[in-house]
Amino acid sequence: MDEGKAAIATVLAGDMKLAMGRQCDESKLRDLLVGSVFVLTHDNVAHFATTGPAGAQLMLMIAPEKDLNTDLLCQN
């Protein structure tokens, strides 16, 4: 991801689990229900995810990182 940019993703449908970090560790996966939002920035882009059998639909927006509410940022 470009420096200064952030990806804001909203789960629109389906089943999804997400965890932050470079190493896949299934014990860290958290359920993301429909309507859940997660934010990835240049500094915390490493993540892993799984979906259920039907997959998941996401809405993805790219925005300037400086304009984000920092309370929404994913933490490692």
PDB file of N, CA and C in Angstrom:
ATOM      1  N   MET A   1       0.839  -1.168   0.000  1.00  0.00           N
ATOM      2  CA  MET A   1       0.000   0.000   0.000  1.00  0.00           C
ATOM      3  C   MET A   1       0.889   1.238   0.000  1.00  0.00           C
ATOM      4  N   ASP A   2       0.482   2.232  -0.739  1.00  0.00           N
ATOM      5  CA  ASP A   2       1.249   3.473  -0.815  1.00  0.00           C
ATOM      6  C   ASP A   2       1.275   4.184   0.530  1.00  0.00           C
ATOM      7  N   GLU A   3       2.416   4.761   0.850  1.00  0.00           N
ATOM      8  CA  GLU A   3       2.532   5.535   2.080  1.00  0.00           C
ATOM      9  C   GLU A   3       1.545   6.701   2.035  1.00  0.00           C
ATOM     10  N   GLY A   4       0.901   6.944   3.171  1.00  0.00           N
ATOM     11  CA  GLY A   4      -0.068   8.023   3.252  1.00  0.00           C
ATOM     12  C   GLY A   4      -1.482   7.622   2.878  1.00  0.00           C
ATOM     13  N   LYS A   5      -1.659   6.374   2.430  1.00  0.00           N
ATOM     14  CA  LYS A   5      -2.985   5.885   2.044  1.00  0.00           C
ATOM     15  C   LYS A   5      -3.462   4.841   3.051  1.00  0.00           C
ATOM     16  N   ALA A   6      -4.761   4.653   3.120  1.00  0.00           N
ATOM     17  CA  ALA A   6      -5.363   3.632   3.969  1.00  0.00           C
ATOM     18  C   ALA A   6      -6.456   2.924   3.182  1.00  0.00           C
ATOM     19  N   ALA A   7      -6.611   1.632   3.442  1.00  0.00           N
ATOM     20  CA  ALA A   7      -7.707   0.859   2.869  1.00  0.00           C
ATOM     21  C   ALA A   7      -8.755   0.671   3.953  1.00  0.00           C
ATOM     22  N   ILE A   8      -9.974   1.054   3.655  1.00  0.00           N
ATOM     23  CA  ILE A   8     -11.089   0.914   4.586  1.00  0.00           C
ATOM     24  C   ILE A   8     -12.028  -0.116   3.972  1.00  0.00           C
ATOM     25  N   ALA A   9     -12.209  -1.243   4.652  1.00  0.00           N
ATOM     26  CA  ALA A   9     -13.028  -2.330   4.116  1.00  0.00           C
ATOM     27  C   ALA A   9     -14.240  -2.558   5.008  1.00  0.00           C
ATOM     28  N   THR A  10     -15.391  -2.739   4.381  1.00  0.00           N
ATOM     29  CA  THR A  10     -16.634  -3.052   5.077  1.00  0.00           C
ATOM     30  C   THR A  10     -17.129  -4.400   4.577  1.00  0.00           C
ATOM     31  N   VAL A  11     -17.493  -5.292   5.492  1.00  0.00           N
ATOM     32  CA  VAL A  11     -18.041  -6.596   5.126  1.00  0.00           C
ATOM     33  C   VAL A  11     -19.513  -6.395   4.756  1.00  0.00           C
ATOM     34  N   LEU A  12     -19.846  -6.685   3.498  1.00  0.00           N
ATOM     35  CA  LEU A  12     -21.213  -6.507   3.014  1.00  0.00           C
ATOM     36  C   LEU A  12     -22.042  -7.777   3.120  1.00  0.00           C
ATOM     37  N   ALA A  13     -21.401  -8.936   2.948  1.00  0.00           N
ATOM     38  CA  ALA A  13     -22.120 -10.208   2.981  1.00  0.00           C
ATOM     39  C   ALA A  13     -21.127 -11.335   3.220  1.00  0.00           C
ATOM     40  N   GLY A  14     -21.617 -12.448   3.728  1.00  0.00           N
ATOM     41  CA  GLY A  14     -20.797 -13.635   3.885  1.00  0.00           C
ATOM     42  C   GLY A  14     -20.139 -13.736   5.246  1.00  0.00           C
ATOM     43  N   ASP A  15     -19.279 -14.741   5.343  1.00  0.00           N
ATOM     44  CA  ASP A  15     -18.543 -15.027   6.574  1.00  0.00           C
ATOM     45  C   ASP A  15     -17.068 -14.757   6.349  1.00  0.00           C
ATOM     46  N   MET A  16     -16.458 -14.014   7.251  1.00  0.00           N
ATOM     47  CA  MET A  16     -15.043 -13.680   7.124  1.00  0.00           C
ATOM     48  C   MET A  16     -14.402 -13.636   8.495  1.00  0.00           C
ATOM     49  N   LYS A  17     -13.146 -14.074   8.540  1.00  0.00           N
ATOM     50  CA  LYS A  17     -12.327 -13.953   9.745  1.00  0.00           C
ATOM     51  C   LYS A  17     -11.042 -13.252   9.344  1.00  0.00           C
ATOM     52  N   LEU A  18     -10.503 -12.414  10.237  1.00  0.00           N
ATOM     53  CA  LEU A  18      -9.320 -11.608   9.942  1.00  0.00           C
ATOM     54  C   LEU A  18      -8.409 -11.571  11.154  1.00  0.00           C
ATOM     55  N   ALA A  19      -7.119 -11.556  10.897  1.00  0.00           N
ATOM     56  CA  ALA A  19      -6.119 -11.341  11.951  1.00  0.00           C
ATOM     57  C   ALA A  19      -4.976 -10.543  11.354  1.00  0.00           C
ATOM     58  N   MET A  20      -4.340  -9.775  12.198  1.00  0.00           N
ATOM     59  CA  MET A  20      -3.218  -8.956  11.764  1.00  0.00           C
ATOM     60  C   MET A  20      -1.915  -9.705  12.025  1.00  0.00           C
ATOM     61  N   GLY A  21      -0.899  -9.411  11.201  1.00  0.00           N
ATOM     62  CA  GLY A  21       0.425  -9.985  11.382  1.00  0.00           C
ATOM     63  C   GLY A  21       0.937 -10.645  10.125  1.00  0.00           C
ATOM     64  N   ARG A  22       2.220 -10.944  10.134  1.00  0.00           N
ATOM     65  CA  ARG A  22       2.872 -11.557   8.972  1.00  0.00           C
ATOM     66  C   ARG A  22       2.766 -13.077   8.973  1.00  0.00           C
ATOM     67  N   GLN A  23       2.603 -13.687  10.149  1.00  0.00           N
ATOM     68  CA  GLN A  23       2.517 -15.140  10.261  1.00  0.00           C
ATOM     69  C   GLN A  23       1.067 -15.564  10.452  1.00  0.00           C
ATOM     70  N   CYS A  24       0.638 -16.542   9.682  1.00  0.00           N
ATOM     71  CA  CYS A  24      -0.722 -17.060   9.817  1.00  0.00           C
ATOM     72  C   CYS A  24      -0.838 -17.824  11.132  1.00  0.00           C
ATOM     73  N   ASP A  25      -1.711 -17.378  11.997  1.00  0.00           N
ATOM     74  CA  ASP A  25      -1.971 -18.017  13.285  1.00  0.00           C
ATOM     75  C   ASP A  25      -3.484 -18.042  13.460  1.00  0.00           C
ATOM     76  N   GLU A  26      -4.090 -19.207  13.201  1.00  0.00           N
ATOM     77  CA  GLU A  26      -5.549 -19.302  13.224  1.00  0.00           C
ATOM     78  C   GLU A  26      -6.149 -18.931  14.571  1.00  0.00           C
ATOM     79  N   SER A  27      -5.384 -19.052  15.652  1.00  0.00           N
ATOM     80  CA  SER A  27      -5.919 -18.708  16.977  1.00  0.00           C
ATOM     81  C   SER A  27      -6.164 -17.200  17.115  1.00  0.00           C
ATOM     82  N   LYS A  28      -5.572 -16.400  16.232  1.00  0.00           N
ATOM     83  CA  LYS A  28      -5.751 -14.945  16.282  1.00  0.00           C
ATOM     84  C   LYS A  28      -6.904 -14.450  15.412  1.00  0.00           C
ATOM     85  N   LEU A  29      -7.472 -15.329  14.587  1.00  0.00           N
ATOM     86  CA  LEU A  29      -8.557 -14.916  13.698  1.00  0.00           C
ATOM     87  C   LEU A  29      -9.776 -14.459  14.494  1.00  0.00           C
ATOM     88  N   ARG A  30     -10.357 -13.345  14.068  1.00  0.00           N
ATOM     89  CA  ARG A  30     -11.573 -12.806  14.692  1.00  0.00           C
ATOM     90  C   ARG A  30     -12.686 -12.775  13.657  1.00  0.00           C
ATOM     91  N   ASP A  31     -13.888 -13.153  14.082  1.00  0.00           N
ATOM     92  CA  ASP A  31     -15.048 -13.096  13.193  1.00  0.00           C
ATOM     93  C   ASP A  31     -15.370 -11.651  12.846  1.00  0.00           C
ATOM     94  N   LEU A  32     -15.623 -11.414  11.574  1.00  0.00           N
ATOM     95  CA  LEU A  32     -16.093 -10.104  11.117  1.00  0.00           C
ATOM     96  C   LEU A  32     -17.511 -10.288  10.602  1.00  0.00           C
ATOM     97  N   LEU A  33     -18.458  -9.791  11.348  1.00  0.00           N
ATOM     98  CA  LEU A  33     -19.861  -9.904  10.972  1.00  0.00           C
ATOM     99  C   LEU A  33     -20.189  -8.912   9.863  1.00  0.00           C
ATOM    100  N   VAL A  34     -21.293  -9.154   9.168  1.00  0.00           N
ATOM    101  CA  VAL A  34     -21.757  -8.201   8.157  1.00  0.00           C
ATOM    102  C   VAL A  34     -21.886  -6.830   8.818  1.00  0.00           C
ATOM    103  N   GLY A  35     -21.328  -5.828   8.174  1.00  0.00           N
ATOM    104  CA  GLY A  35     -21.309  -4.472   8.720  1.00  0.00           C
ATOM    105  C   GLY A  35     -20.007  -4.118   9.413  1.00  0.00           C
ATOM    106  N   SER A  36     -19.163  -5.128   9.677  1.00  0.00           N
ATOM    107  CA  SER A  36     -17.868  -4.855  10.309  1.00  0.00           C
ATOM    108  C   SER A  36     -16.989  -4.041   9.375  1.00  0.00           C
ATOM    109  N   VAL A  37     -16.167  -3.196   9.962  1.00  0.00           N
ATOM    110  CA  VAL A  37     -15.236  -2.358   9.209  1.00  0.00           C
ATOM    111  C   VAL A  37     -13.838  -2.608   9.748  1.00  0.00           C
ATOM    112  N   PHE A  38     -12.864  -2.729   8.832  1.00  0.00           N
ATOM    113  CA  PHE A  38     -11.472  -2.775   9.260  1.00  0.00           C
ATOM    114  C   PHE A  38     -10.652  -1.856   8.375  1.00  0.00           C
ATOM    115  N   VAL A  39      -9.567  -1.361   8.934  1.00  0.00           N
ATOM    116  CA  VAL A  39      -8.728  -0.377   8.261  1.00  0.00           C
ATOM    117  C   VAL A  39      -7.301  -0.893   8.221  1.00  0.00           C
ATOM    118  N   LEU A  40      -6.694  -0.840   7.046  1.00  0.00           N
ATOM    119  CA  LEU A  40      -5.292  -1.198   6.868  1.00  0.00           C
ATOM    120  C   LEU A  40      -4.543   0.040   6.398  1.00  0.00           C
ATOM    121  N   THR A  41      -3.395   0.293   7.008  1.00  0.00           N
ATOM    122  CA  THR A  41      -2.574   1.433   6.615  1.00  0.00           C
ATOM    123  C   THR A  41      -1.217   0.939   6.138  1.00  0.00           C
ATOM    124  N   HIS A  42      -0.420   1.858   5.648  1.00  0.00           N
ATOM    125  CA  HIS A  42       0.925   1.530   5.176  1.00  0.00           C
ATOM    126  C   HIS A  42       1.730   0.819   6.264  1.00  0.00           C
ATOM    127  N   ASP A  43       1.526   1.219   7.521  1.00  0.00           N
ATOM    128  CA  ASP A  43       2.295   0.645   8.633  1.00  0.00           C
ATOM    129  C   ASP A  43       1.739  -0.670   9.153  1.00  0.00           C
ATOM    130  N   ASN A  44       0.499  -1.020   8.857  1.00  0.00           N
ATOM    131  CA  ASN A  44      -0.068  -2.266   9.382  1.00  0.00           C
ATOM    132  C   ASN A  44      -0.836  -3.040   8.317  1.00  0.00           C
ATOM    133  N   VAL A  45      -0.240  -3.201   7.169  1.00  0.00           N
ATOM    134  CA  VAL A  45      -0.927  -3.849   6.055  1.00  0.00           C
ATOM    135  C   VAL A  45      -0.877  -5.378   6.144  1.00  0.00           C
ATOM    136  N   ALA A  46       0.075  -5.963   6.886  1.00  0.00           N
ATOM    137  CA  ALA A  46       0.213  -7.422   6.949  1.00  0.00           C
ATOM    138  C   ALA A  46      -0.977  -8.027   7.692  1.00  0.00           C
ATOM    139  N   HIS A  47      -1.673  -8.948   7.024  1.00  0.00           N
ATOM    140  CA  HIS A  47      -2.833  -9.592   7.624  1.00  0.00           C
ATOM    141  C   HIS A  47      -3.082 -10.927   6.936  1.00  0.00           C
ATOM    142  N   PHE A  48      -3.938 -11.728   7.519  1.00  0.00           N
ATOM    143  CA  PHE A  48      -4.401 -12.946   6.879  1.00  0.00           C
ATOM    144  C   PHE A  48      -5.881 -13.098   7.189  1.00  0.00           C
ATOM    145  N   ALA A  49      -6.596 -13.791   6.299  1.00  0.00           N
ATOM    146  CA  ALA A  49      -8.045 -13.894   6.443  1.00  0.00           C
ATOM    147  C   ALA A  49      -8.535 -15.201   5.843  1.00  0.00           C
ATOM    148  N   THR A  50      -9.713 -15.613   6.287  1.00  0.00           N
ATOM    149  CA  THR A  50     -10.402 -16.759   5.708  1.00  0.00           C
ATOM    150  C   THR A  50     -11.864 -16.373   5.519  1.00  0.00           C
ATOM    151  N   THR A  51     -12.530 -17.127   4.653  1.00  0.00           N
ATOM    152  CA  THR A  51     -13.968 -16.932   4.467  1.00  0.00           C
ATOM    153  C   THR A  51     -14.661 -18.275   4.609  1.00  0.00           C
ATOM    154  N   GLY A  52     -15.974 -18.230   4.788  1.00  0.00           N
ATOM    155  CA  GLY A  52     -16.773 -19.445   4.813  1.00  0.00           C
ATOM    156  C   GLY A  52     -16.952 -19.977   3.403  1.00  0.00           C
ATOM    157  N   PRO A  53     -17.703 -21.074   3.250  1.00  0.00           N
ATOM    158  CA  PRO A  53     -17.880 -21.711   1.940  1.00  0.00           C
ATOM    159  C   PRO A  53     -18.451 -20.780   0.871  1.00  0.00           C
ATOM    160  N   ALA A  54     -19.290 -19.837   1.273  1.00  0.00           N
ATOM    161  CA  ALA A  54     -19.903 -18.924   0.294  1.00  0.00           C
ATOM    162  C   ALA A  54     -19.039 -17.699   0.021  1.00  0.00           C
ATOM    163  N   GLY A  55     -17.896 -17.591   0.698  1.00  0.00           N
ATOM    164  CA  GLY A  55     -17.034 -16.429   0.505  1.00  0.00           C
ATOM    165  C   GLY A  55     -17.562 -15.218   1.255  1.00  0.00           C
ATOM    166  N   ALA A  56     -17.069 -14.069   0.895  1.00  0.00           N
ATOM    167  CA  ALA A  56     -17.487 -12.815   1.519  1.00  0.00           C
ATOM    168  C   ALA A  56     -17.435 -11.712   0.474  1.00  0.00           C
ATOM    169  N   GLN A  57     -18.283 -10.726   0.638  1.00  0.00           N
ATOM    170  CA  GLN A  57     -18.268  -9.545  -0.221  1.00  0.00           C
ATOM    171  C   GLN A  57     -17.820  -8.363   0.619  1.00  0.00           C
ATOM    172  N   LEU A  58     -16.851  -7.626   0.095  1.00  0.00           N
ATOM    173  CA  LEU A  58     -16.315  -6.459   0.788  1.00  0.00           C
ATOM    174  C   LEU A  58     -16.495  -5.222  -0.072  1.00  0.00           C
ATOM    175  N   MET A  59     -16.678  -4.088   0.572  1.00  0.00           N
ATOM    176  CA  MET A  59     -16.596  -2.800  -0.107  1.00  0.00           C
ATOM    177  C   MET A  59     -15.280  -2.181   0.351  1.00  0.00           C
ATOM    178  N   LEU A  60     -14.427  -1.838  -0.591  1.00  0.00           N
ATOM    179  CA  LEU A  60     -13.096  -1.320  -0.285  1.00  0.00           C
ATOM    180  C   LEU A  60     -12.980   0.119  -0.760  1.00  0.00           C
ATOM    181  N   MET A  61     -12.514   0.977   0.135  1.00  0.00           N
ATOM    182  CA  MET A  61     -12.249   2.379  -0.212  1.00  0.00           C
ATOM    183  C   MET A  61     -10.800   2.686   0.130  1.00  0.00           C
ATOM    184  N   ILE A  62     -10.162   3.484  -0.698  1.00  0.00           N
ATOM    185  CA  ILE A  62      -8.816   3.974  -0.419  1.00  0.00           C
ATOM    186  C   ILE A  62      -8.955   5.454  -0.079  1.00  0.00           C
ATOM    187  N   ALA A  63      -8.330   5.858   1.026  1.00  0.00           N
ATOM    188  CA  ALA A  63      -8.476   7.235   1.502  1.00  0.00           C
ATOM    189  C   ALA A  63      -7.146   7.724   2.057  1.00  0.00           C
ATOM    190  N   PRO A  64      -6.979   9.027   2.182  1.00  0.00           N
ATOM    191  CA  PRO A  64      -5.772   9.560   2.821  1.00  0.00           C
ATOM    192  C   PRO A  64      -5.738   9.135   4.293  1.00  0.00           C
ATOM    193  N   GLU A  65      -4.627   8.571   4.707  1.00  0.00           N
ATOM    194  CA  GLU A  65      -4.486   8.095   6.083  1.00  0.00           C
ATOM    195  C   GLU A  65      -4.652   9.222   7.099  1.00  0.00           C
ATOM    196  N   LYS A  66      -4.219  10.412   6.767  1.00  0.00           N
ATOM    197  CA  LYS A  66      -4.266  11.541   7.705  1.00  0.00           C
ATOM    198  C   LYS A  66      -5.694  11.936   8.067  1.00  0.00           C
ATOM    199  N   ASP A  67      -6.669  11.525   7.255  1.00  0.00           N
ATOM    200  CA  ASP A  67      -8.061  11.887   7.507  1.00  0.00           C
ATOM    201  C   ASP A  67      -8.833  10.840   8.312  1.00  0.00           C
ATOM    202  N   LEU A  68      -8.159   9.755   8.717  1.00  0.00           N
ATOM    203  CA  LEU A  68      -8.836   8.677   9.435  1.00  0.00           C
ATOM    204  C   LEU A  68      -9.048   8.998  10.904  1.00  0.00           C
ATOM    205  N   ASN A  69     -10.107   8.435  11.453  1.00  0.00           N
ATOM    206  CA  ASN A  69     -10.308   8.408  12.899  1.00  0.00           C
ATOM    207  C   ASN A  69      -9.418   7.276  13.418  1.00  0.00           C
ATOM    208  N   THR A  70      -8.381   7.582  14.168  1.00  0.00           N
ATOM    209  CA  THR A  70      -7.411   6.566  14.580  1.00  0.00           C
ATOM    210  C   THR A  70      -8.015   5.502  15.488  1.00  0.00           C
ATOM    211  N   ASP A  71      -9.185   5.722  16.046  1.00  0.00           N
ATOM    212  CA  ASP A  71      -9.847   4.691  16.847  1.00  0.00           C
ATOM    213  C   ASP A  71     -10.258   3.494  15.999  1.00  0.00           C
ATOM    214  N   LEU A  72     -10.307   3.651  14.670  1.00  0.00           N
ATOM    215  CA  LEU A  72     -10.711   2.567  13.783  1.00  0.00           C
ATOM    216  C   LEU A  72      -9.553   1.693  13.327  1.00  0.00           C
ATOM    217  N   LEU A  73      -8.330   2.078  13.608  1.00  0.00           N
ATOM    218  CA  LEU A  73      -7.183   1.354  13.077  1.00  0.00           C
ATOM    219  C   LEU A  73      -7.026  -0.007  13.726  1.00  0.00           C
ATOM    220  N   CYS A  74      -6.716  -1.030  12.885  1.00  0.00           N
ATOM    221  CA  CYS A  74      -6.419  -2.368  13.396  1.00  0.00           C
ATOM    222  C   CYS A  74      -5.084  -2.327  14.120  1.00  0.00           C
ATOM    223  N   GLN A  75      -4.994  -3.033  15.195  1.00  0.00           N
ATOM    224  CA  GLN A  75      -3.748  -3.100  15.961  1.00  0.00           C
ATOM    225  C   GLN A  75      -3.194  -4.510  15.875  1.00  0.00           C
ATOM    226  N   ASN A  76      -1.868  -4.630  15.767  1.00  0.00           N
ATOM    227  CA  ASN A  76      -1.226  -5.957  15.752  1.00  0.00           C
ATOM    228  C   ASN A  76      -1.324  -6.600  17.104  1.00  0.00           C
TER     229      ASN A  76
END
